Protein backbone atom coordinates (compact mmCIF):
# COMPACT_ATOMS: atom_id res chain seq x y z
CA MET A 1 -47.39 -132.02 74.40
CA GLU A 2 -45.87 -133.46 77.25
CA GLU A 3 -42.56 -134.97 77.62
CA THR A 4 -42.76 -138.70 76.58
CA ASN A 5 -39.41 -139.59 77.68
CA LYS A 6 -36.18 -138.13 78.42
CA LEU A 7 -34.98 -137.79 74.85
CA ILE A 8 -37.72 -136.89 72.51
CA PHE A 9 -40.33 -134.30 72.96
CA ARG A 10 -42.07 -131.59 71.21
CA THR A 11 -42.76 -127.78 72.31
CA LYS A 12 -45.95 -127.09 72.98
CA PRO A 13 -48.65 -127.85 70.22
CA TYR A 14 -48.21 -125.42 67.31
CA GLN A 15 -51.83 -124.17 67.52
CA LYS A 16 -50.70 -122.63 70.82
CA LEU A 17 -48.29 -120.69 69.55
CA LEU A 18 -48.97 -117.03 69.17
CA SER A 19 -46.83 -116.94 66.20
CA TYR A 20 -48.87 -119.57 64.70
CA GLN A 21 -52.26 -117.98 65.55
CA ARG A 22 -50.98 -114.55 63.98
CA ALA A 23 -49.57 -115.97 60.93
CA GLU A 24 -52.87 -117.99 60.40
CA ILE A 25 -54.68 -114.62 60.55
CA VAL A 26 -52.10 -113.27 58.10
CA TYR A 27 -52.66 -116.25 55.80
CA LEU A 28 -56.39 -115.84 55.45
CA ALA A 29 -56.28 -111.99 55.38
CA THR A 30 -53.71 -112.26 52.43
CA TYR A 31 -55.92 -114.75 50.72
CA ARG A 32 -58.87 -112.36 50.97
CA PHE A 33 -56.88 -109.43 49.87
CA ALA A 34 -55.42 -111.37 46.58
CA GLU A 35 -59.22 -112.50 45.91
CA ARG A 36 -60.43 -108.98 46.11
CA PHE A 37 -57.72 -106.79 44.97
CA LEU A 38 -55.49 -108.88 42.41
CA GLU A 39 -55.92 -110.37 39.26
CA LYS A 40 -55.27 -114.23 39.18
CA SER A 41 -53.39 -113.77 36.24
CA ASP A 42 -50.97 -111.32 38.29
CA ARG A 43 -48.09 -113.20 39.46
CA THR A 44 -48.32 -111.36 42.73
CA TYR A 45 -51.53 -113.15 43.14
CA ASP A 46 -49.80 -116.58 43.52
CA GLN A 47 -46.50 -115.26 45.27
CA MET A 48 -48.27 -113.27 47.95
CA ILE A 49 -50.55 -116.59 48.78
CA GLN A 50 -47.50 -118.86 49.01
CA ALA A 51 -45.48 -116.50 50.93
CA ALA A 52 -48.52 -116.01 53.48
CA ARG A 53 -48.75 -119.91 53.49
CA SER A 54 -45.21 -120.48 53.85
CA GLY A 55 -44.85 -118.29 56.78
CA LYS A 56 -47.80 -120.09 58.66
CA GLN A 57 -46.81 -123.84 57.31
CA ASN A 58 -43.23 -123.57 58.40
CA ILE A 59 -44.22 -122.72 61.87
CA VAL A 60 -46.26 -125.81 61.83
CA GLU A 61 -43.36 -128.22 60.50
CA GLY A 62 -40.91 -126.53 62.66
CA ALA A 63 -42.85 -127.25 65.73
CA MET A 64 -43.44 -130.83 64.72
CA ALA A 65 -39.74 -131.37 63.59
CA SER A 66 -38.63 -130.05 67.18
CA ALA A 67 -39.03 -133.70 68.45
CA GLY A 68 -36.04 -134.80 66.44
CA SER A 69 -34.19 -131.71 65.31
CA LYS A 70 -33.77 -128.41 67.11
CA GLN A 71 -31.83 -127.29 64.36
CA SER A 72 -34.83 -128.09 62.03
CA GLU A 73 -36.90 -126.52 64.04
CA LEU A 74 -34.85 -123.30 64.23
CA PHE A 75 -34.25 -123.29 60.71
CA LEU A 76 -38.05 -123.65 60.02
CA THR A 77 -39.04 -121.19 62.19
CA SER A 78 -36.58 -118.78 60.46
CA VAL A 79 -37.98 -119.42 57.23
CA ALA A 80 -41.32 -118.88 58.31
CA LEU A 81 -39.98 -115.16 59.62
CA ALA A 82 -38.20 -114.84 56.08
CA SER A 83 -41.51 -115.88 54.20
CA LEU A 84 -43.15 -113.18 56.16
CA SER A 85 -40.60 -110.48 55.34
CA GLU A 86 -41.22 -111.34 51.80
CA LEU A 87 -44.87 -110.84 51.88
CA SER A 88 -44.35 -107.55 53.87
CA GLU A 89 -42.61 -106.21 50.92
CA ASP A 90 -45.18 -107.37 48.75
CA TYR A 91 -47.82 -105.10 50.49
CA LEU A 92 -45.43 -102.51 50.52
CA ASP A 93 -44.76 -102.69 46.76
CA TYR A 94 -48.57 -102.73 46.20
CA LEU A 95 -49.29 -99.46 48.22
CA LYS A 96 -46.03 -97.54 46.89
CA THR A 97 -46.91 -98.57 43.29
CA ARG A 98 -50.50 -97.21 43.50
CA ASN A 99 -49.21 -94.17 45.29
CA PHE A 100 -50.82 -95.19 48.64
CA GLU A 101 -50.42 -94.11 52.06
CA ILE A 102 -48.42 -96.28 54.25
CA TRP A 103 -49.14 -96.24 57.80
CA ASP A 104 -46.78 -94.98 60.29
CA LYS A 105 -46.08 -97.74 63.13
CA ASP A 106 -47.19 -95.32 65.73
CA SER A 107 -50.25 -94.07 63.88
CA GLU A 108 -53.80 -93.81 65.55
CA LYS A 109 -55.05 -96.69 62.85
CA THR A 110 -51.59 -98.95 63.43
CA MET A 111 -52.25 -98.71 67.24
CA TYR A 112 -55.63 -99.81 66.88
CA VAL A 113 -54.58 -102.92 64.89
CA ARG A 114 -51.71 -103.39 67.17
CA ASN A 115 -54.00 -103.27 70.19
CA LEU A 116 -56.23 -105.84 68.65
CA CYS A 117 -53.40 -108.20 68.46
CA ARG A 118 -52.45 -107.60 71.97
CA LYS A 119 -55.69 -109.04 73.37
CA GLY A 120 -55.09 -112.97 74.30
CA ASP A 121 -57.03 -115.33 71.71
CA VAL A 122 -57.28 -113.69 68.40
CA SER A 123 -58.37 -115.41 65.27
CA TYR A 124 -59.20 -113.97 61.62
CA ALA A 125 -62.86 -113.20 62.88
CA ASP A 126 -61.58 -110.57 64.94
CA TYR A 127 -60.09 -108.75 61.43
CA LYS A 128 -62.74 -110.39 58.99
CA GLU A 129 -64.95 -106.98 58.99
CA PHE A 130 -62.14 -104.77 58.20
CA ILE A 131 -60.40 -107.27 55.68
CA GLU A 132 -63.62 -108.01 53.85
CA THR A 133 -64.75 -104.70 53.80
CA ARG A 134 -62.17 -102.00 53.54
CA ASN A 135 -60.30 -100.56 50.56
CA ALA A 136 -57.36 -102.14 49.30
CA ASP A 137 -55.04 -99.60 51.04
CA VAL A 138 -56.60 -99.87 54.29
CA VAL A 139 -56.49 -103.75 54.21
CA ALA A 140 -52.84 -103.88 53.06
CA ASN A 141 -51.83 -101.82 56.08
CA ILE A 142 -53.75 -103.70 58.36
CA VAL A 143 -51.85 -106.84 56.83
CA ILE A 144 -48.63 -105.02 57.21
CA THR A 145 -49.42 -104.14 60.61
CA LEU A 146 -50.35 -107.96 61.70
CA ILE A 147 -47.02 -109.27 59.65
CA ASN A 148 -44.91 -106.83 62.00
CA GLN A 149 -46.62 -108.43 65.01
CA THR A 150 -46.14 -111.81 63.74
CA GLN A 151 -42.40 -111.04 63.05
CA VAL A 152 -41.81 -109.96 66.73
CA LEU A 153 -43.30 -113.20 67.88
CA LEU A 154 -41.06 -115.15 65.68
CA SER A 155 -37.94 -113.09 66.60
CA ARG A 156 -38.58 -113.61 70.43
CA GLN A 157 -39.67 -117.49 69.43
CA ILE A 158 -36.18 -117.88 67.44
CA LYS A 159 -34.15 -116.09 70.33
CA SER A 160 -35.92 -118.49 73.01
CA LEU A 161 -35.10 -121.53 70.85
CA GLU A 162 -31.29 -120.26 70.46
CA ASP A 163 -31.11 -119.97 74.37
CA LYS A 164 -32.80 -123.28 75.03
CA PHE A 165 -30.33 -125.09 72.69
CA LEU A 166 -27.43 -123.56 74.11
CA ARG A 167 -28.57 -124.49 77.50
CA GLU A 168 -29.67 -128.01 76.69
CA GLY A 169 -27.99 -129.16 73.55
CA GLY A 170 -29.97 -131.03 70.86
CA VAL A 171 -31.11 -134.66 70.44
CA LYS A 172 -27.56 -135.99 69.58
CA GLU A 173 -26.07 -134.65 72.71
CA LYS A 174 -28.86 -135.80 74.58
CA MET A 175 -28.42 -139.11 73.11
CA THR A 176 -24.89 -139.52 74.18
CA LYS A 177 -25.44 -138.11 77.80
CA LEU A 178 -28.60 -140.95 78.09
CA ARG A 179 -26.29 -143.79 76.71
CA LEU A 180 -23.23 -142.72 79.16
CA ALA A 181 -25.58 -142.42 81.98
CA TYR A 182 -27.14 -145.91 80.96
CA ARG A 183 -24.05 -147.47 80.65
CA ASN A 184 -22.70 -146.12 84.00
CA THR A 185 -25.78 -147.50 85.33
CA VAL A 186 -25.35 -151.12 84.11
CA LYS A 187 -21.57 -151.18 85.39
CA LYS A 188 -22.61 -150.25 88.65
CA THR A 189 -25.16 -153.27 88.72
CA GLU A 190 -22.75 -155.77 87.36
């Protein structure tokens, strides 16, 4: 969104954030993973879906809260990162408890998935065939790789939000500056 005035403005629409786009893929992939490989009665079924959902939804909420509170935006973006960390652990636990291979971060398979992430616009459709046709261990490793990519993006986003806050301050500081500037302008015209 464009700046609507000098005080209240949002960051770009959340749909354009790479972190959101990747988190949406992670959510959809996790939903399909749970549907295919977990029993609905398994507590992990709901936990994994909710952690993936939280990762995505907190990016949305943080971006929308940015207009009124940079603190909320930063906090919610950090919650998204934490939720995805929890989800990654669930996938790793799934692989470990079943004695499945965990792909090395530089393996050929991981690099293939990482390279898919690097192209501009990616969506669940780019991963759908893999997520919906491969074995559980392959899907889990794919999603772990996607989570790692999303975490890198979120970490960069958090750093950028911190830097911007240090440079520009928050809404309260801007309100005070604008009010003082207004008072000075009014005094000069009297």
